[in-house]
Amino acid sequence: MVMDLKSTLSSIKVIQITDTHILDDGAPSFNDFDTSASLQRIIKRIKNDESDADIILLTGDLIHESTITSYQKLAEHLSSLTVPVFCLPGNHDDLNMMTEVMEKNEHAVEKIIEVGDWIIILLNTCITGEHSGKLSNSELDFLRKALETYSDDHCLIALHHHPVSINSPWMDGMMLINSEEFLSIIDEFEQVRGIIWGHIHQEFESSRNEVKLIGSPSTCIQFKPKSDAFAVDEKPPAYRKLELQADGEIDTEVVYLTV
């Protein structure tokens, strides 16, 4: 449930990879895009440019259709990384399959990461058969208890579904259904410094009561911002890097692949 990494770091570098949508061999493509090729390019860039990273965090939709072989293919892509990899599920994922394959390949599915002056809490927002997300009562209870337990640590919370509107009507129809319950808990705990998510396939940054709200683009296709209906943007595959500072500040930027 809890993984303790390095306890003496002055800052922690986190690389967020999200919405990889890896496809089984022979499966229909995701909008005619080679998701494996783009992820492999992302991994190569991370290995070349982010060798000082402490954690790699995969925030859901790891595969496109839930099959064991899709997860095995993902694990093979990740196998060259030497940085600890942590995963949480998205609406395209199957938690049991994900856990089985990721753990077998020494990628973690812990719910709490202790590192430096920070904890990172990983939440499951998935509803079977639905594109929208919801935090179960047990998951909300887990969140509250974790925040009560780690009251002296800065906290970053990671989930798949976006808890606030991104002003894109079709995507906002698939956001976190009980976001008000979630955010009301966040409002009670001043050690929460940031919330990060995937799902939206685009950049988003805002704040709520000094908590940073951060949505990230995909390692494959991006969705056009502020769109009423599904539309693909021209931006290339990307990942996000975050620097978690000892004073609770979060520095972050998105890195896009060049052609």
Protein backbone atom coordinates (compact mmCIF):
# COMPACT_ATOMS: atom_id res chain seq x y z
CA MET A 1 0.00 0.00 0.00
CA VAL A 2 2.83 2.43 0.88
CA MET A 3 6.22 2.68 -0.80
CA ASP A 4 9.02 4.67 0.85
CA LEU A 5 11.67 5.79 -1.64
CA LYS A 6 14.42 8.26 -0.73
CA SER A 7 13.92 10.14 2.51
CA THR A 8 16.64 12.81 2.19
CA LEU A 9 15.86 14.44 -1.16
CA SER A 10 15.57 18.24 -1.18
CA SER A 11 13.36 18.08 -4.28
CA ILE A 12 11.70 15.27 -6.17
CA LYS A 13 11.50 15.02 -9.95
CA VAL A 14 8.39 13.25 -11.21
CA ILE A 15 7.78 12.37 -14.85
CA GLN A 16 4.10 11.92 -15.71
CA ILE A 17 3.22 9.67 -18.64
CA THR A 18 -0.46 9.38 -19.40
CA ASP A 19 -2.98 7.91 -21.83
CA THR A 20 -0.54 5.66 -23.65
CA HIS A 21 -3.42 3.60 -25.14
CA ILE A 22 -1.21 0.65 -26.08
CA LEU A 23 -2.92 -1.66 -28.56
CA ASP A 24 -2.80 -5.42 -28.80
CA ASP A 25 -1.11 -6.72 -31.94
CA GLY A 26 -3.68 -6.86 -34.71
CA ALA A 27 -6.24 -4.72 -32.84
CA PRO A 28 -7.96 -1.79 -34.58
CA SER A 29 -5.91 1.41 -34.30
CA PHE A 30 -6.64 4.36 -32.06
CA ASN A 31 -7.59 7.07 -34.55
CA ASP A 32 -5.03 5.65 -37.02
CA PHE A 33 -2.18 6.38 -34.60
CA ASP A 34 0.72 4.09 -33.70
CA THR A 35 0.59 4.38 -29.93
CA SER A 36 3.49 2.01 -29.32
CA ALA A 37 5.82 3.94 -31.60
CA SER A 38 4.99 7.24 -29.90
CA LEU A 39 5.48 5.79 -26.41
CA GLN A 40 8.83 4.33 -27.43
CA ARG A 41 9.90 7.78 -28.64
CA ILE A 42 8.75 9.28 -25.34
CA ILE A 43 10.72 6.69 -23.36
CA LYS A 44 13.83 7.36 -25.43
CA ARG A 45 13.48 11.10 -24.75
CA ILE A 46 13.03 10.51 -21.02
CA LYS A 47 16.10 8.26 -20.87
CA ASN A 48 18.17 10.87 -22.72
CA ASP A 49 16.92 14.05 -21.04
CA GLU A 50 15.43 13.07 -17.67
CA SER A 51 18.03 10.71 -16.24
CA ASP A 52 17.78 12.49 -12.88
CA ALA A 53 14.08 11.62 -12.46
CA ASP A 54 13.08 9.99 -9.17
CA ILE A 55 9.65 8.63 -10.17
CA ILE A 56 7.74 7.89 -13.36
CA LEU A 57 3.99 8.06 -12.87
CA LEU A 58 1.50 6.56 -15.34
CA THR A 59 -1.91 8.13 -14.81
CA GLY A 60 -4.30 5.81 -16.59
CA ASP A 61 -5.55 4.57 -19.95
CA LEU A 62 -2.36 2.55 -20.17
CA ILE A 63 -3.91 0.30 -22.82
CA HIS A 64 -6.77 0.82 -25.28
CA GLU A 65 -8.61 -2.49 -24.92
CA SER A 66 -8.12 -4.52 -21.74
CA THR A 67 -6.14 -7.64 -22.59
CA ILE A 68 -3.26 -9.30 -20.80
CA THR A 69 -1.15 -9.12 -23.94
CA SER A 70 -1.71 -5.34 -24.23
CA TYR A 71 -0.35 -4.89 -20.70
CA GLN A 72 2.54 -7.22 -21.47
CA LYS A 73 3.34 -5.12 -24.52
CA LEU A 74 3.29 -1.98 -22.37
CA ALA A 75 5.55 -3.62 -19.79
CA GLU A 76 7.98 -4.52 -22.55
CA HIS A 77 8.07 -0.89 -23.69
CA LEU A 78 8.76 0.23 -20.10
CA SER A 79 11.42 -2.41 -19.44
CA SER A 80 14.37 -0.21 -20.43
CA LEU A 81 13.53 2.41 -17.78
CA THR A 82 15.63 2.30 -14.61
CA VAL A 83 13.48 4.80 -12.69
CA PRO A 84 10.71 3.37 -10.43
CA VAL A 85 7.40 3.25 -12.33
CA PHE A 86 4.03 3.65 -10.59
CA CYS A 87 0.64 3.08 -12.24
CA LEU A 88 -2.98 3.96 -11.64
CA PRO A 89 -5.95 2.92 -13.81
CA GLY A 90 -8.02 4.89 -16.31
CA ASN A 91 -11.39 4.12 -17.87
CA HIS A 92 -9.79 1.94 -20.56
CA ASP A 93 -7.96 -0.16 -17.97
CA ASP A 94 -8.79 -3.32 -16.08
CA LEU A 95 -7.39 -2.95 -12.54
CA ASN A 96 -6.86 -6.68 -11.99
CA MET A 97 -5.07 -7.21 -15.30
CA MET A 98 -3.03 -4.05 -14.81
CA THR A 99 -1.99 -5.09 -11.32
CA GLU A 100 -1.10 -8.64 -12.36
CA VAL A 101 1.14 -7.65 -15.27
CA MET A 102 2.68 -4.51 -13.78
CA GLU A 103 3.63 -6.22 -10.51
CA LYS A 104 5.05 -9.21 -12.40
CA ASN A 105 7.28 -6.74 -14.25
CA GLU A 106 8.28 -4.90 -11.05
CA HIS A 107 6.21 -1.80 -11.75
CA ALA A 108 4.37 -0.61 -8.66
CA VAL A 109 0.66 -0.11 -8.04
CA GLU A 110 1.02 1.23 -4.50
CA LYS A 111 -1.54 3.81 -3.38
CA ILE A 112 0.89 6.00 -1.42
CA ILE A 113 4.45 6.96 -2.30
CA GLU A 114 6.59 8.50 0.46
CA VAL A 115 9.51 10.45 -0.98
CA GLY A 116 11.46 13.31 0.58
CA ASP A 117 9.13 15.81 2.23
CA TRP A 118 6.24 14.63 0.08
CA ILE A 119 3.64 11.94 -0.28
CA ILE A 120 1.96 11.13 -3.57
CA ILE A 121 -1.51 9.59 -3.28
CA LEU A 122 -2.76 7.54 -6.24
CA LEU A 123 -6.53 7.24 -6.59
CA ASN A 124 -8.76 4.94 -8.62
CA THR A 125 -11.60 6.85 -10.31
CA CYS A 126 -12.80 4.11 -12.66
CA ILE A 127 -16.37 2.90 -13.12
CA THR A 128 -16.63 -0.39 -15.00
CA GLY A 129 -18.03 0.17 -18.49
CA GLU A 130 -18.14 3.98 -18.19
CA HIS A 131 -15.95 6.75 -19.61
CA SER A 132 -16.78 9.07 -16.70
CA GLY A 133 -15.09 8.61 -13.37
CA LYS A 134 -16.16 8.40 -9.75
CA LEU A 135 -14.42 7.97 -6.41
CA SER A 136 -16.10 5.23 -4.41
CA ASN A 137 -16.93 5.82 -0.76
CA SER A 138 -14.04 3.56 0.21
CA GLU A 139 -11.67 5.54 -1.99
CA LEU A 140 -12.84 8.83 -0.47
CA ASP A 141 -12.38 7.33 3.02
CA PHE A 142 -8.90 6.17 2.03
CA LEU A 143 -8.02 9.68 0.82
CA ARG A 144 -9.22 11.32 4.03
CA LYS A 145 -7.37 8.85 6.27
CA ALA A 146 -4.17 9.23 4.24
CA LEU A 147 -4.31 13.02 4.54
CA GLU A 148 -4.95 12.76 8.27
CA THR A 149 -2.04 10.35 8.68
CA TYR A 150 0.45 12.37 6.64
CA SER A 151 -0.48 15.80 7.93
CA ASP A 152 3.15 16.97 8.12
CA ASP A 153 4.04 16.10 4.50
CA HIS A 154 3.39 18.06 1.34
CA CYS A 155 0.94 16.14 -0.81
CA LEU A 156 0.44 15.58 -4.52
CA ILE A 157 -2.70 13.68 -5.54
CA ALA A 158 -2.84 11.75 -8.82
CA LEU A 159 -5.94 10.41 -10.54
CA HIS A 160 -7.14 9.76 -14.08
CA HIS A 161 -10.35 11.79 -14.47
CA HIS A 162 -10.41 15.56 -14.27
CA PRO A 163 -12.13 16.96 -11.16
CA VAL A 164 -12.82 20.41 -12.63
CA SER A 165 -14.23 21.63 -15.92
CA ILE A 166 -11.70 22.18 -18.69
CA ASN A 167 -14.22 24.13 -20.81
CA SER A 168 -14.46 21.38 -23.40
CA PRO A 169 -18.11 20.23 -23.35
CA TRP A 170 -17.62 16.71 -24.74
CA MET A 171 -14.71 15.96 -22.37
CA ASP A 172 -16.47 17.56 -19.39
CA GLY A 173 -19.24 15.02 -19.95
CA MET A 174 -16.68 12.37 -18.95
CA MET A 175 -15.12 14.02 -15.91
CA LEU A 176 -15.17 12.97 -12.25
CA ILE A 177 -18.86 12.69 -11.37
CA ASN A 178 -18.48 13.34 -7.64
CA SER A 179 -15.84 16.02 -7.93
CA GLU A 180 -17.54 18.19 -5.28
CA GLU A 181 -17.12 15.45 -2.66
CA PHE A 182 -13.49 15.02 -3.66
CA LEU A 183 -12.69 18.74 -3.64
CA SER A 184 -14.46 19.29 -0.32
CA ILE A 185 -12.00 16.84 1.26
CA ILE A 186 -9.07 18.59 -0.44
CA ASP A 187 -10.28 21.92 0.97
CA GLU A 188 -9.94 20.57 4.51
CA PHE A 189 -6.23 19.75 4.26
CA GLU A 190 -3.76 22.54 3.71
CA GLN A 191 -0.86 20.17 2.97
CA VAL A 192 -2.33 19.34 -0.46
CA ARG A 193 -0.19 21.23 -2.96
CA GLY A 194 -1.32 19.81 -6.27
CA ILE A 195 -3.67 17.49 -8.15
CA ILE A 196 -2.61 15.91 -11.44
CA TRP A 197 -4.58 13.87 -13.94
CA GLY A 198 -4.64 12.48 -17.47
CA HIS A 199 -7.76 11.59 -19.53
CA ILE A 200 -8.10 14.96 -21.28
CA HIS A 201 -5.26 14.57 -23.84
CA GLN A 202 -4.32 18.25 -23.54
CA GLU A 203 -2.60 20.73 -21.24
CA PHE A 204 -4.55 22.33 -18.42
CA GLU A 205 -3.35 24.38 -15.46
CA SER A 206 -5.39 26.25 -12.90
CA SER A 207 -5.64 26.53 -9.13
CA ARG A 208 -8.12 26.23 -6.30
CA ASN A 209 -7.32 27.71 -2.90
CA GLU A 210 -3.60 27.70 -3.79
CA VAL A 211 -3.74 24.03 -4.85
CA LYS A 212 -2.34 23.56 -8.35
CA LEU A 213 -4.70 21.77 -10.77
CA ILE A 214 -2.76 20.09 -13.56
CA GLY A 215 -4.04 18.13 -16.53
CA SER A 216 -1.62 16.62 -19.02
CA PRO A 217 -1.42 15.68 -22.69
CA SER A 218 -1.07 12.13 -23.94
CA THR A 219 1.89 10.18 -25.24
CA CYS A 220 -0.20 9.67 -28.38
CA ILE A 221 -2.88 11.93 -29.90
CA GLN A 222 -4.04 15.20 -28.34
CA PHE A 223 -7.61 16.49 -28.19
CA LYS A 224 -8.44 19.97 -29.37
CA PRO A 225 -8.99 22.32 -26.39
CA LYS A 226 -12.37 23.98 -25.78
CA SER A 227 -14.08 21.75 -28.32
CA ASP A 228 -17.81 20.98 -28.29
CA ALA A 229 -17.26 17.56 -29.86
CA PHE A 230 -14.41 15.10 -30.38
CA ALA A 231 -11.63 16.76 -32.35
CA VAL A 232 -7.95 15.91 -32.65
CA ASP A 233 -5.36 18.64 -32.12
CA GLU A 234 -2.17 18.95 -34.15
CA LYS A 235 0.13 18.92 -31.13
CA PRO A 236 2.56 15.98 -30.94
CA PRO A 237 2.94 13.34 -28.21
CA ALA A 238 4.14 14.65 -24.87
CA TYR A 239 4.95 14.01 -21.23
CA ARG A 240 4.96 16.26 -18.17
CA LYS A 241 7.73 16.81 -15.67
CA LEU A 242 7.17 18.09 -12.15
CA GLU A 243 9.69 19.26 -9.59
CA LEU A 244 8.32 18.91 -6.06
CA GLN A 245 10.23 21.34 -3.87
CA ALA A 246 10.99 20.96 -0.16
CA ASP A 247 8.95 24.10 0.60
CA GLY A 248 5.82 22.68 -1.07
CA GLU A 249 6.13 24.47 -4.38
CA ILE A 250 5.54 22.57 -7.63
CA ASP A 251 7.42 23.55 -10.78
CA THR A 252 6.08 21.91 -13.91
CA GLU A 253 6.29 21.93 -17.69
CA VAL A 254 5.13 19.84 -20.61
CA VAL A 255 7.66 18.41 -23.04
CA TYR A 256 6.41 17.78 -26.58
CA LEU A 257 8.23 15.56 -29.06
CA THR A 258 9.64 17.31 -32.07
CA VAL A 259 9.03 15.89 -35.52
